Amino acid sequence: MTKAELVEKVYAKSGLETKVKTEQALEAVISTVAECLASGDSVTLMGFGSFKIVKRAPRTGRNPRTNERIDIPACSVVKFVPGKALKEAVK
């Protein structure tokens, strides 16, 4: 599903006045979640799931073309853990 398709579906279900306002609301949610994660906070949406930052340790990888070993530095990644209601809806 693309962002435009998501806006269309949310618009149909939400009762917001226009698709433009629906897209603005979606953008506000996405940017707020990104800001919270960037500041180190986690975001929990009850029934949907939670987003949090997880630190990955440095590790050694391999270039599949040359079989050369490469060092992969430590980094932070976003982890999503689905909530119970989302898990049940997907089953």
Protein backbone atom coordinates (compact mmCIF):
# COMPACT_ATOMS: atom_id res chain seq x y z
CA MET A 1 0.00 0.00 0.00
CA THR A 2 1.35 3.41 -0.91
CA LYS A 3 1.02 6.54 1.17
CA ALA A 4 -1.62 7.90 -1.24
CA GLU A 5 -3.67 4.71 -0.86
CA LEU A 6 -3.36 4.93 2.92
CA VAL A 7 -4.55 8.55 2.85
CA GLU A 8 -7.52 7.48 0.70
CA LYS A 9 -8.54 4.72 3.14
CA VAL A 10 -8.08 6.90 6.23
CA TYR A 11 -10.08 9.67 4.56
CA ALA A 12 -12.94 7.25 3.85
CA LYS A 13 -13.04 6.01 7.46
CA SER A 14 -12.19 9.14 9.43
CA GLY A 15 -14.77 11.66 8.37
CA LEU A 16 -12.13 14.37 7.96
CA GLU A 17 -13.22 17.20 5.67
CA THR A 18 -10.71 16.72 2.82
CA LYS A 19 -7.98 14.39 1.64
CA VAL A 20 -5.51 17.25 2.08
CA LYS A 21 -6.38 17.50 5.79
CA THR A 22 -6.16 13.73 6.07
CA GLU A 23 -2.69 13.76 4.51
CA GLN A 24 -1.62 16.58 6.84
CA ALA A 25 -2.82 14.58 9.84
CA LEU A 26 -0.94 11.50 8.65
CA GLU A 27 2.21 13.59 8.09
CA ALA A 28 1.86 15.04 11.60
CA VAL A 29 1.67 11.55 13.12
CA ILE A 30 4.66 10.29 11.13
CA SER A 31 6.82 13.31 11.92
CA THR A 32 5.90 13.21 15.61
CA VAL A 33 6.83 9.52 15.86
CA ALA A 34 10.14 10.24 14.07
CA GLU A 35 10.91 13.16 16.41
CA CYS A 36 10.18 11.07 19.50
CA LEU A 37 12.39 8.23 18.27
CA ALA A 38 15.18 10.66 17.34
CA SER A 39 15.14 12.06 20.88
CA GLY A 40 15.47 8.55 22.34
CA ASP A 41 11.87 8.03 23.44
CA SER A 42 9.77 5.03 22.51
CA VAL A 43 6.26 5.34 21.05
CA THR A 44 3.50 2.97 22.12
CA LEU A 45 0.12 2.86 20.39
CA MET A 46 -2.08 0.59 22.49
CA GLY A 47 -3.43 -2.31 20.44
CA PHE A 48 -1.26 -1.43 17.44
CA GLY A 49 2.29 -1.77 18.70
CA SER A 50 5.37 0.05 19.85
CA PHE A 51 8.36 1.63 18.15
CA LYS A 52 11.70 1.88 19.93
CA ILE A 53 15.35 2.47 19.18
CA VAL A 54 17.67 -0.53 19.51
CA LYS A 55 21.47 -0.34 19.39
CA ARG A 56 23.23 -2.81 17.11
CA ALA A 57 26.73 -3.87 18.07
CA PRO A 58 29.57 -3.63 15.57
CA ARG A 59 30.11 -6.81 13.63
CA THR A 60 32.04 -8.32 10.77
CA GLY A 61 30.24 -8.89 7.50
CA ARG A 62 31.15 -10.23 4.07
CA ASN A 63 30.85 -8.71 0.61
CA PRO A 64 28.94 -11.40 -1.34
CA ARG A 65 30.59 -10.46 -4.67
CA THR A 66 34.22 -10.48 -3.57
CA ASN A 67 33.93 -12.54 -0.39
CA GLU A 68 35.96 -9.77 1.26
CA ARG A 69 35.41 -9.26 5.00
CA ILE A 70 34.12 -5.85 6.01
CA ASP A 71 33.61 -4.18 9.37
CA ILE A 72 30.06 -2.98 9.99
CA PRO A 73 29.99 -0.20 12.61
CA ALA A 74 27.58 0.00 15.53
CA CYS A 75 24.34 1.81 14.77
CA SER A 76 20.87 2.52 16.07
CA VAL A 77 17.82 1.07 14.32
CA VAL A 78 14.07 1.35 14.79
CA LYS A 79 12.35 -1.79 16.05
CA PHE A 80 8.59 -2.32 15.81
CA VAL A 81 6.84 -4.77 18.12
CA PRO A 82 3.22 -5.45 17.14
CA GLY A 83 0.52 -5.24 19.79
CA LYS A 84 -1.88 -8.04 20.69
CA ALA A 85 -4.81 -6.57 18.71
CA LEU A 86 -2.67 -6.21 15.56
CA LYS A 87 -1.38 -9.76 15.91
CA GLU A 88 -4.94 -11.07 16.23
CA ALA A 89 -6.14 -9.01 13.24
CA VAL A 90 -3.39 -10.43 11.02
CA LYS A 91 -3.92 -14.09 11.99
